[in-house]
Amino acid sequence: LTLWRGVFARFFPAVWVSVLAILGS
């Protein structure tokens, strides 16, 4: 669970940028 907390903490900001890039483009 500690691993997943760390993984998501790094992945989710990249997903937000991706969502903005996908939606905008």
mmCIF file of all heavy atoms, coordinates in Angstrom:
data_MODEL
# 
_entry.id   MODEL 
# 
loop_
_atom_site.group_PDB 
_atom_site.id 
_atom_site.type_symbol 
_atom_site.label_atom_id 
_atom_site.label_alt_id 
_atom_site.label_comp_id 
_atom_site.label_asym_id 
_atom_site.label_entity_id 
_atom_site.label_seq_id 
_atom_site.pdbx_PDB_ins_code 
_atom_site.Cartn_x 
_atom_site.Cartn_y 
_atom_site.Cartn_z 
_atom_site.occupancy 
_atom_site.B_iso_or_equiv 
_atom_site.pdbx_formal_charge 
_atom_site.auth_seq_id 
_atom_site.auth_comp_id 
_atom_site.auth_asym_id 
_atom_site.auth_atom_id 
_atom_site.pdbx_PDB_model_num 
ATOM 1   N N   . LEU A 1 1  ? 0.822   -1.210 0.000   1.00 0.00 ? 1  LEU A N   1 
ATOM 2   C CA  . LEU A 1 1  ? 0.000   0.000  0.000   1.00 0.00 ? 1  LEU A CA  1 
ATOM 3   C C   . LEU A 1 1  ? 0.859   1.264  0.000   1.00 0.00 ? 1  LEU A C   1 
ATOM 4   O O   . LEU A 1 1  ? 0.521   2.254  -0.652  1.00 0.00 ? 1  LEU A O   1 
ATOM 5   C CB  . LEU A 1 1  ? -0.953  -0.022 1.185   1.00 0.00 ? 1  LEU A CB  1 
ATOM 6   C CG  . LEU A 1 1  ? -2.026  -1.118 1.093   1.00 0.00 ? 1  LEU A CG  1 
ATOM 7   C CD1 . LEU A 1 1  ? -2.720  -1.307 2.421   1.00 0.00 ? 1  LEU A CD1 1 
ATOM 8   C CD2 . LEU A 1 1  ? -3.015  -0.813 -0.008  1.00 0.00 ? 1  LEU A CD2 1 
ATOM 9   N N   . THR A 1 2  ? 1.976   1.213  0.692   1.00 0.00 ? 2  THR A N   1 
ATOM 10  C CA  . THR A 1 2  ? 2.905   2.343  0.679   1.00 0.00 ? 2  THR A CA  1 
ATOM 11  C C   . THR A 1 2  ? 3.498   2.521  -0.721  1.00 0.00 ? 2  THR A C   1 
ATOM 12  O O   . THR A 1 2  ? 3.654   3.658  -1.196  1.00 0.00 ? 2  THR A O   1 
ATOM 13  C CB  . THR A 1 2  ? 4.012   2.134  1.729   1.00 0.00 ? 2  THR A CB  1 
ATOM 14  O OG1 . THR A 1 2  ? 3.403   1.987  3.020   1.00 0.00 ? 2  THR A OG1 1 
ATOM 15  C CG2 . THR A 1 2  ? 4.970   3.302  1.765   1.00 0.00 ? 2  THR A CG2 1 
ATOM 16  N N   . LEU A 1 3  ? 3.808   1.423  -1.377  1.00 0.00 ? 3  LEU A N   1 
ATOM 17  C CA  . LEU A 1 3  ? 4.309   1.484  -2.749  1.00 0.00 ? 3  LEU A CA  1 
ATOM 18  C C   . LEU A 1 3  ? 3.276   2.160  -3.654  1.00 0.00 ? 3  LEU A C   1 
ATOM 19  O O   . LEU A 1 3  ? 3.608   3.080  -4.405  1.00 0.00 ? 3  LEU A O   1 
ATOM 20  C CB  . LEU A 1 3  ? 4.618   0.082  -3.282  1.00 0.00 ? 3  LEU A CB  1 
ATOM 21  C CG  . LEU A 1 3  ? 4.910   -0.012 -4.783  1.00 0.00 ? 3  LEU A CG  1 
ATOM 22  C CD1 . LEU A 1 3  ? 6.287   0.566  -5.095  1.00 0.00 ? 3  LEU A CD1 1 
ATOM 23  C CD2 . LEU A 1 3  ? 4.799   -1.443 -5.266  1.00 0.00 ? 3  LEU A CD2 1 
ATOM 24  N N   . TRP A 1 4  ? 2.018   1.706  -3.578  1.00 0.00 ? 4  TRP A N   1 
ATOM 25  C CA  . TRP A 1 4  ? 0.984   2.271  -4.446  1.00 0.00 ? 4  TRP A CA  1 
ATOM 26  C C   . TRP A 1 4  ? 0.737   3.739  -4.150  1.00 0.00 ? 4  TRP A C   1 
ATOM 27  O O   . TRP A 1 4  ? 0.488   4.532  -5.064  1.00 0.00 ? 4  TRP A O   1 
ATOM 28  C CB  . TRP A 1 4  ? -0.310  1.465  -4.356  1.00 0.00 ? 4  TRP A CB  1 
ATOM 29  C CG  . TRP A 1 4  ? -0.245  0.225  -5.180  1.00 0.00 ? 4  TRP A CG  1 
ATOM 30  C CD1 . TRP A 1 4  ? -0.204  -1.060 -4.744  1.00 0.00 ? 4  TRP A CD1 1 
ATOM 31  C CD2 . TRP A 1 4  ? -0.158  0.156  -6.606  1.00 0.00 ? 4  TRP A CD2 1 
ATOM 32  N NE1 . TRP A 1 4  ? -0.112  -1.923 -5.810  1.00 0.00 ? 4  TRP A NE1 1 
ATOM 33  C CE2 . TRP A 1 4  ? -0.085  -1.199 -6.969  1.00 0.00 ? 4  TRP A CE2 1 
ATOM 34  C CE3 . TRP A 1 4  ? -0.139  1.113  -7.616  1.00 0.00 ? 4  TRP A CE3 1 
ATOM 35  C CZ2 . TRP A 1 4  ? 0.005   -1.627 -8.284  1.00 0.00 ? 4  TRP A CZ2 1 
ATOM 36  C CZ3 . TRP A 1 4  ? -0.048  0.705  -8.936  1.00 0.00 ? 4  TRP A CZ3 1 
ATOM 37  C CH2 . TRP A 1 4  ? 0.020   -0.659 -9.253  1.00 0.00 ? 4  TRP A CH2 1 
ATOM 38  N N   . ARG A 1 5  ? 0.821   4.121  -2.890  1.00 0.00 ? 5  ARG A N   1 
ATOM 39  C CA  . ARG A 1 5  ? 0.665   5.544  -2.552  1.00 0.00 ? 5  ARG A CA  1 
ATOM 40  C C   . ARG A 1 5  ? 1.736   6.359  -3.267  1.00 0.00 ? 5  ARG A C   1 
ATOM 41  O O   . ARG A 1 5  ? 1.465   7.406  -3.840  1.00 0.00 ? 5  ARG A O   1 
ATOM 42  C CB  . ARG A 1 5  ? 0.741   5.749  -1.043  1.00 0.00 ? 5  ARG A CB  1 
ATOM 43  C CG  . ARG A 1 5  ? 0.425   7.162  -0.613  1.00 0.00 ? 5  ARG A CG  1 
ATOM 44  C CD  . ARG A 1 5  ? 0.693   7.331  0.886   1.00 0.00 ? 5  ARG A CD  1 
ATOM 45  N NE  . ARG A 1 5  ? 0.073   8.493  1.459   1.00 0.00 ? 5  ARG A NE  1 
ATOM 46  C CZ  . ARG A 1 5  ? 0.468   9.745  1.266   1.00 0.00 ? 5  ARG A CZ  1 
ATOM 47  N NH1 . ARG A 1 5  ? 1.466   10.008 0.469   1.00 0.00 ? 5  ARG A NH1 1 
ATOM 48  N NH2 . ARG A 1 5  ? -0.155  10.747 1.864   1.00 0.00 ? 5  ARG A NH2 1 
ATOM 49  N N   . GLY A 1 6  ? 2.977   5.868  -3.236  1.00 0.00 ? 6  GLY A N   1 
ATOM 50  C CA  . GLY A 1 6  ? 4.073   6.556  -3.909  1.00 0.00 ? 6  GLY A CA  1 
ATOM 51  C C   . GLY A 1 6  ? 3.947   6.544  -5.421  1.00 0.00 ? 6  GLY A C   1 
ATOM 52  O O   . GLY A 1 6  ? 4.218   7.545  -6.092  1.00 0.00 ? 6  GLY A O   1 
ATOM 53  N N   . VAL A 1 7  ? 3.520   5.417  -5.984  1.00 0.00 ? 7  VAL A N   1 
ATOM 54  C CA  . VAL A 1 7  ? 3.348   5.300  -7.443  1.00 0.00 ? 7  VAL A CA  1 
ATOM 55  C C   . VAL A 1 7  ? 2.275   6.282  -7.922  1.00 0.00 ? 7  VAL A C   1 
ATOM 56  O O   . VAL A 1 7  ? 2.480   7.027  -8.878  1.00 0.00 ? 7  VAL A O   1 
ATOM 57  C CB  . VAL A 1 7  ? 3.001   3.851  -7.839  1.00 0.00 ? 7  VAL A CB  1 
ATOM 58  C CG1 . VAL A 1 7  ? 2.505   3.767  -9.284  1.00 0.00 ? 7  VAL A CG1 1 
ATOM 59  C CG2 . VAL A 1 7  ? 4.205   2.938  -7.635  1.00 0.00 ? 7  VAL A CG2 1 
ATOM 60  N N   . PHE A 1 8  ? 1.127   6.270  -7.248  1.00 0.00 ? 8  PHE A N   1 
ATOM 61  C CA  . PHE A 1 8  ? 0.052   7.170  -7.659  1.00 0.00 ? 8  PHE A CA  1 
ATOM 62  C C   . PHE A 1 8  ? 0.439   8.638  -7.479  1.00 0.00 ? 8  PHE A C   1 
ATOM 63  O O   . PHE A 1 8  ? 0.042   9.481  -8.281  1.00 0.00 ? 8  PHE A O   1 
ATOM 64  C CB  . PHE A 1 8  ? -1.237  6.864  -6.895  1.00 0.00 ? 8  PHE A CB  1 
ATOM 65  C CG  . PHE A 1 8  ? -1.867  5.549  -7.257  1.00 0.00 ? 8  PHE A CG  1 
ATOM 66  C CD1 . PHE A 1 8  ? -2.481  4.768  -6.278  1.00 0.00 ? 8  PHE A CD1 1 
ATOM 67  C CD2 . PHE A 1 8  ? -1.873  5.068  -8.556  1.00 0.00 ? 8  PHE A CD2 1 
ATOM 68  C CE1 . PHE A 1 8  ? -3.072  3.562  -6.596  1.00 0.00 ? 8  PHE A CE1 1 
ATOM 69  C CE2 . PHE A 1 8  ? -2.459  3.864  -8.893  1.00 0.00 ? 8  PHE A CE2 1 
ATOM 70  C CZ  . PHE A 1 8  ? -3.072  3.106  -7.898  1.00 0.00 ? 8  PHE A CZ  1 
ATOM 71  N N   . ALA A 1 9  ? 1.188   8.937  -6.430  1.00 0.00 ? 9  ALA A N   1 
ATOM 72  C CA  . ALA A 1 9  ? 1.616   10.322 -6.203  1.00 0.00 ? 9  ALA A CA  1 
ATOM 73  C C   . ALA A 1 9  ? 2.482   10.828 -7.358  1.00 0.00 ? 9  ALA A C   1 
ATOM 74  O O   . ALA A 1 9  ? 2.473   12.018 -7.670  1.00 0.00 ? 9  ALA A O   1 
ATOM 75  C CB  . ALA A 1 9  ? 2.376   10.428 -4.882  1.00 0.00 ? 9  ALA A CB  1 
ATOM 76  N N   . ARG A 1 10 ? 3.198   9.934  -7.999  1.00 0.00 ? 10 ARG A N   1 
ATOM 77  C CA  . ARG A 1 10 ? 4.019   10.331 -9.156  1.00 0.00 ? 10 ARG A CA  1 
ATOM 78  C C   . ARG A 1 10 ? 3.238   10.247 -10.470 1.00 0.00 ? 10 ARG A C   1 
ATOM 79  O O   . ARG A 1 10 ? 3.459   11.043 -11.370 1.00 0.00 ? 10 ARG A O   1 
ATOM 80  C CB  . ARG A 1 10 ? 5.266   9.447  -9.239  1.00 0.00 ? 10 ARG A CB  1 
ATOM 81  C CG  . ARG A 1 10 ? 6.227   9.671  -8.086  1.00 0.00 ? 10 ARG A CG  1 
ATOM 82  C CD  . ARG A 1 10 ? 7.475   8.835  -8.238  1.00 0.00 ? 10 ARG A CD  1 
ATOM 83  N NE  . ARG A 1 10 ? 8.228   9.222  -9.408  1.00 0.00 ? 10 ARG A NE  1 
ATOM 84  C CZ  . ARG A 1 10 ? 9.297   10.022 -9.397  1.00 0.00 ? 10 ARG A CZ  1 
ATOM 85  N NH1 . ARG A 1 10 ? 9.727   10.500 -8.272  1.00 0.00 ? 10 ARG A NH1 1 
ATOM 86  N NH2 . ARG A 1 10 ? 9.920   10.315 -10.505 1.00 0.00 ? 10 ARG A NH2 1 
ATOM 87  N N   . PHE A 1 11 ? 2.346   9.265  -10.580 1.00 0.00 ? 11 PHE A N   1 
ATOM 88  C CA  . PHE A 1 11 ? 1.626   9.045  -11.836 1.00 0.00 ? 11 PHE A CA  1 
ATOM 89  C C   . PHE A 1 11 ? 0.488   10.038 -12.042 1.00 0.00 ? 11 PHE A C   1 
ATOM 90  O O   . PHE A 1 11 ? 0.280   10.539 -13.155 1.00 0.00 ? 11 PHE A O   1 
ATOM 91  C CB  . PHE A 1 11 ? 1.098   7.604  -11.881 1.00 0.00 ? 11 PHE A CB  1 
ATOM 92  C CG  . PHE A 1 11 ? 0.386   7.234  -13.152 1.00 0.00 ? 11 PHE A CG  1 
ATOM 93  C CD1 . PHE A 1 11 ? 0.996   7.379  -14.393 1.00 0.00 ? 11 PHE A CD1 1 
ATOM 94  C CD2 . PHE A 1 11 ? -0.906  6.732  -13.116 1.00 0.00 ? 11 PHE A CD2 1 
ATOM 95  C CE1 . PHE A 1 11 ? 0.346   7.037  -15.569 1.00 0.00 ? 11 PHE A CE1 1 
ATOM 96  C CE2 . PHE A 1 11 ? -1.573  6.375  -14.282 1.00 0.00 ? 11 PHE A CE2 1 
ATOM 97  C CZ  . PHE A 1 11 ? -0.945  6.532  -15.509 1.00 0.00 ? 11 PHE A CZ  1 
ATOM 98  N N   . PHE A 1 12 ? -0.269  10.342 -11.000 1.00 0.00 ? 12 PHE A N   1 
ATOM 99  C CA  . PHE A 1 12 ? -1.451  11.177 -11.174 1.00 0.00 ? 12 PHE A CA  1 
ATOM 100 C C   . PHE A 1 12 ? -1.155  12.584 -11.702 1.00 0.00 ? 12 PHE A C   1 
ATOM 101 O O   . PHE A 1 12 ? -1.921  13.091 -12.524 1.00 0.00 ? 12 PHE A O   1 
ATOM 102 C CB  . PHE A 1 12 ? -2.285  11.215 -9.898  1.00 0.00 ? 12 PHE A CB  1 
ATOM 103 C CG  . PHE A 1 12 ? -3.044  9.929  -9.642  1.00 0.00 ? 12 PHE A CG  1 
ATOM 104 C CD1 . PHE A 1 12 ? -3.566  9.669  -8.387  1.00 0.00 ? 12 PHE A CD1 1 
ATOM 105 C CD2 . PHE A 1 12 ? -3.251  8.983  -10.637 1.00 0.00 ? 12 PHE A CD2 1 
ATOM 106 C CE1 . PHE A 1 12 ? -4.275  8.497  -8.133  1.00 0.00 ? 12 PHE A CE1 1 
ATOM 107 C CE2 . PHE A 1 12 ? -3.954  7.808  -10.401 1.00 0.00 ? 12 PHE A CE2 1 
ATOM 108 C CZ  . PHE A 1 12 ? -4.466  7.574  -9.136  1.00 0.00 ? 12 PHE A CZ  1 
ATOM 109 N N   . PRO A 1 13 ? -0.087  13.251 -11.283 1.00 0.00 ? 13 PRO A N   1 
ATOM 110 C CA  . PRO A 1 13 ? 0.206   14.552 -11.921 1.00 0.00 ? 13 PRO A CA  1 
ATOM 111 C C   . PRO A 1 13 ? 0.456   14.418 -13.428 1.00 0.00 ? 13 PRO A C   1 
ATOM 112 O O   . PRO A 1 13 ? 0.028   15.285 -14.207 1.00 0.00 ? 13 PRO A O   1 
ATOM 113 C CB  . PRO A 1 13 ? 1.459   15.043 -11.185 1.00 0.00 ? 13 PRO A CB  1 
ATOM 114 C CG  . PRO A 1 13 ? 1.386   14.377 -9.854  1.00 0.00 ? 13 PRO A CG  1 
ATOM 115 C CD  . PRO A 1 13 ? 0.785   13.015 -10.129 1.00 0.00 ? 13 PRO A CD  1 
ATOM 116 N N   . ALA A 1 14 ? 1.105   13.336 -13.841 1.00 0.00 ? 14 ALA A N   1 
ATOM 117 C CA  . ALA A 1 14 ? 1.323   13.096 -15.274 1.00 0.00 ? 14 ALA A CA  1 
ATOM 118 C C   . ALA A 1 14 ? -0.002  12.843 -15.978 1.00 0.00 ? 14 ALA A C   1 
ATOM 119 O O   . ALA A 1 14 ? -0.195  13.257 -17.130 1.00 0.00 ? 14 ALA A O   1 
ATOM 120 C CB  . ALA A 1 14 ? 2.275   11.927 -15.482 1.00 0.00 ? 14 ALA A CB  1 
ATOM 121 N N   . VAL A 1 15 ? -0.937  12.187 -15.301 1.00 0.00 ? 15 VAL A N   1 
ATOM 122 C CA  . VAL A 1 15 ? -2.254  11.949 -15.895 1.00 0.00 ? 15 VAL A CA  1 
ATOM 123 C C   . VAL A 1 15 ? -2.993  13.273 -16.067 1.00 0.00 ? 15 VAL A C   1 
ATOM 124 O O   . VAL A 1 15 ? -3.619  13.504 -17.112 1.00 0.00 ? 15 VAL A O   1 
ATOM 125 C CB  . VAL A 1 15 ? -3.091  10.949 -15.070 1.00 0.00 ? 15 VAL A CB  1 
ATOM 126 C CG1 . VAL A 1 15 ? -4.500  10.823 -15.637 1.00 0.00 ? 15 VAL A CG1 1 
ATOM 127 C CG2 . VAL A 1 15 ? -2.416  9.584  -15.034 1.00 0.00 ? 15 VAL A CG2 1 
ATOM 128 N N   . TRP A 1 16 ? -2.919  14.164 -15.084 1.00 0.00 ? 16 TRP A N   1 
ATOM 129 C CA  . TRP A 1 16 ? -3.571  15.474 -15.225 1.00 0.00 ? 16 TRP A CA  1 
ATOM 130 C C   . TRP A 1 16 ? -3.035  16.217 -16.443 1.00 0.00 ? 16 TRP A C   1 
ATOM 131 O O   . TRP A 1 16 ? -3.808  16.788 -17.218 1.00 0.00 ? 16 TRP A O   1 
ATOM 132 C CB  . TRP A 1 16 ? -3.387  16.323 -13.965 1.00 0.00 ? 16 TRP A CB  1 
ATOM 133 C CG  . TRP A 1 16 ? -4.345  15.975 -12.877 1.00 0.00 ? 16 TRP A CG  1 
ATOM 134 C CD1 . TRP A 1 16 ? -4.043  15.384 -11.679 1.00 0.00 ? 16 TRP A CD1 1 
ATOM 135 C CD2 . TRP A 1 16 ? -5.759  16.177 -12.862 1.00 0.00 ? 16 TRP A CD2 1 
ATOM 136 N NE1 . TRP A 1 16 ? -5.184  15.205 -10.935 1.00 0.00 ? 16 TRP A NE1 1 
ATOM 137 C CE2 . TRP A 1 16 ? -6.252  15.685 -11.637 1.00 0.00 ? 16 TRP A CE2 1 
ATOM 138 C CE3 . TRP A 1 16 ? -6.662  16.732 -13.779 1.00 0.00 ? 16 TRP A CE3 1 
ATOM 139 C CZ2 . TRP A 1 16 ? -7.606  15.741 -11.299 1.00 0.00 ? 16 TRP A CZ2 1 
ATOM 140 C CZ3 . TRP A 1 16 ? -8.006  16.781 -13.441 1.00 0.00 ? 16 TRP A CZ3 1 
ATOM 141 C CH2 . TRP A 1 16 ? -8.466  16.293 -12.214 1.00 0.00 ? 16 TRP A CH2 1 
ATOM 142 N N   . VAL A 1 17 ? -1.722  16.213 -16.632 1.00 0.00 ? 17 VAL A N   1 
ATOM 143 C CA  . VAL A 1 17 ? -1.127  16.874 -17.799 1.00 0.00 ? 17 VAL A CA  1 
ATOM 144 C C   . VAL A 1 17 ? -1.603  16.181 -19.073 1.00 0.00 ? 17 VAL A C   1 
ATOM 145 O O   . VAL A 1 17 ? -1.955  16.838 -20.058 1.00 0.00 ? 17 VAL A O   1 
ATOM 146 C CB  . VAL A 1 17 ? 0.418   16.885 -17.700 1.00 0.00 ? 17 VAL A CB  1 
ATOM 147 C CG1 . VAL A 1 17 ? 1.051   17.374 -19.000 1.00 0.00 ? 17 VAL A CG1 1 
ATOM 148 C CG2 . VAL A 1 17 ? 0.864   17.743 -16.522 1.00 0.00 ? 17 VAL A CG2 1 
ATOM 149 N N   . SER A 1 18 ? -1.643  14.853 -19.048 1.00 0.00 ? 18 SER A N   1 
ATOM 150 C CA  . SER A 1 18 ? -2.109  14.092 -20.212 1.00 0.00 ? 18 SER A CA  1 
ATOM 151 C C   . SER A 1 18 ? -3.566  14.407 -20.535 1.00 0.00 ? 18 SER A C   1 
ATOM 152 O O   . SER A 1 18 ? -3.920  14.590 -21.703 1.00 0.00 ? 18 SER A O   1 
ATOM 153 C CB  . SER A 1 18 ? -1.945  12.591 -19.968 1.00 0.00 ? 18 SER A CB  1 
ATOM 154 O OG  . SER A 1 18 ? -0.588  12.255 -19.855 1.00 0.00 ? 18 SER A OG  1 
ATOM 155 N N   . VAL A 1 19 ? -4.412  14.454 -19.520 1.00 0.00 ? 19 VAL A N   1 
ATOM 156 C CA  . VAL A 1 19 ? -5.824  14.764 -19.720 1.00 0.00 ? 19 VAL A CA  1 
ATOM 157 C C   . VAL A 1 19 ? -5.970  16.137 -20.374 1.00 0.00 ? 19 VAL A C   1 
ATOM 158 O O   . VAL A 1 19 ? -6.733  16.307 -21.340 1.00 0.00 ? 19 VAL A O   1 
ATOM 159 C CB  . VAL A 1 19 ? -6.604  14.690 -18.385 1.00 0.00 ? 19 VAL A CB  1 
ATOM 160 C CG1 . VAL A 1 19 ? -7.953  15.382 -18.477 1.00 0.00 ? 19 VAL A CG1 1 
ATOM 161 C CG2 . VAL A 1 19 ? -6.777  13.236 -17.963 1.00 0.00 ? 19 VAL A CG2 1 
ATOM 162 N N   . LEU A 1 20 ? -5.233  17.114 -19.876 1.00 0.00 ? 20 LEU A N   1 
ATOM 163 C CA  . LEU A 1 20 ? -5.296  18.454 -20.464 1.00 0.00 ? 20 LEU A CA  1 
ATOM 164 C C   . LEU A 1 20 ? -4.802  18.453 -21.908 1.00 0.00 ? 20 LEU A C   1 
ATOM 165 O O   . LEU A 1 20 ? -5.403  19.090 -22.781 1.00 0.00 ? 20 LEU A O   1 
ATOM 166 C CB  . LEU A 1 20 ? -4.501  19.442 -19.622 1.00 0.00 ? 20 LEU A CB  1 
ATOM 167 C CG  . LEU A 1 20 ? -5.087  19.745 -18.243 1.00 0.00 ? 20 LEU A CG  1 
ATOM 168 C CD1 . LEU A 1 20 ? -4.130  20.612 -17.436 1.00 0.00 ? 20 LEU A CD1 1 
ATOM 169 C CD2 . LEU A 1 20 ? -6.462  20.386 -18.357 1.00 0.00 ? 20 LEU A CD2 1 
ATOM 170 N N   . ALA A 1 21 ? -3.719  17.727 -22.160 1.00 0.00 ? 21 ALA A N   1 
ATOM 171 C CA  . ALA A 1 21 ? -3.170  17.654 -23.522 1.00 0.00 ? 21 ALA A CA  1 
ATOM 172 C C   . ALA A 1 21 ? -4.148  16.956 -24.466 1.00 0.00 ? 21 ALA A C   1 
ATOM 173 O O   . ALA A 1 21 ? -4.378  17.419 -25.592 1.00 0.00 ? 21 ALA A O   1 
ATOM 174 C CB  . ALA A 1 21 ? -1.825  16.928 -23.518 1.00 0.00 ? 21 ALA A CB  1 
ATOM 175 N N   . ILE A 1 22 ? -4.728  15.854 -24.016 1.00 0.00 ? 22 ILE A N   1 
ATOM 176 C CA  . ILE A 1 22 ? -5.665  15.095 -24.856 1.00 0.00 ? 22 ILE A CA  1 
ATOM 177 C C   . ILE A 1 22 ? -6.922  15.916 -25.129 1.00 0.00 ? 22 ILE A C   1 
ATOM 178 O O   . ILE A 1 22 ? -7.368  16.037 -26.275 1.00 0.00 ? 22 ILE A O   1 
ATOM 179 C CB  . ILE A 1 22 ? -6.021  13.748 -24.192 1.00 0.00 ? 22 ILE A CB  1 
ATOM 180 C CG1 . ILE A 1 22 ? -4.796  12.839 -24.115 1.00 0.00 ? 22 ILE A CG1 1 
ATOM 181 C CG2 . ILE A 1 22 ? -7.168  13.062 -24.936 1.00 0.00 ? 22 ILE A CG2 1 
ATOM 182 C CD1 . ILE A 1 22 ? -4.958  11.671 -23.149 1.00 0.00 ? 22 ILE A CD1 1 
ATOM 183 N N   . LEU A 1 23 ? -7.493  16.476 -24.077 1.00 0.00 ? 23 LEU A N   1 
ATOM 184 C CA  . LEU A 1 23 ? -8.725  17.249 -24.236 1.00 0.00 ? 23 LEU A CA  1 
ATOM 185 C C   . LEU A 1 23 ? -8.481  18.487 -25.096 1.00 0.00 ? 23 LEU A C   1 
ATOM 186 O O   . LEU A 1 23 ? -9.231  18.756 -26.044 1.00 0.00 ? 23 LEU A O   1 
ATOM 187 C CB  . LEU A 1 23 ? -9.282  17.637 -22.869 1.00 0.00 ? 23 LEU A CB  1 
ATOM 188 C CG  . LEU A 1 23 ? -10.630 18.338 -22.857 1.00 0.00 ? 23 LEU A CG  1 
ATOM 189 C CD1 . LEU A 1 23 ? -11.711 17.476 -23.506 1.00 0.00 ? 23 LEU A CD1 1 
ATOM 190 C CD2 . LEU A 1 23 ? -11.023 18.685 -21.423 1.00 0.00 ? 23 LEU A CD2 1 
ATOM 191 N N   . GLY A 1 24 ? -7.428  19.227 -24.793 1.00 0.00 ? 24 GLY A N   1 
ATOM 192 C CA  . GLY A 1 24 ? -7.153  20.449 -25.555 1.00 0.00 ? 24 GLY A CA  1 
ATOM 193 C C   . GLY A 1 24 ? -6.833  20.184 -27.006 1.00 0.00 ? 24 GLY A C   1 
ATOM 194 O O   . GLY A 1 24 ? -7.379  20.839 -27.909 1.00 0.00 ? 24 GLY A O   1 
ATOM 195 N N   . SER A 1 25 ? -5.983  19.204 -27.261 1.00 0.00 ? 25 SER A N   1 
ATOM 196 C CA  . SER A 1 25 ? -5.607  18.908 -28.649 1.00 0.00 ? 25 SER A CA  1 
ATOM 197 C C   . SER A 1 25 ? -6.769  18.285 -29.416 1.00 0.00 ? 25 SER A C   1 
ATOM 198 O O   . SER A 1 25 ? -6.995  18.595 -30.586 1.00 0.00 ? 25 SER A O   1 
ATOM 199 C CB  . SER A 1 25 ? -4.381  17.998 -28.700 1.00 0.00 ? 25 SER A CB  1 
ATOM 200 O OG  . SER A 1 25 ? -4.659  16.751 -28.076 1.00 0.00 ? 25 SER A OG  1 
# 
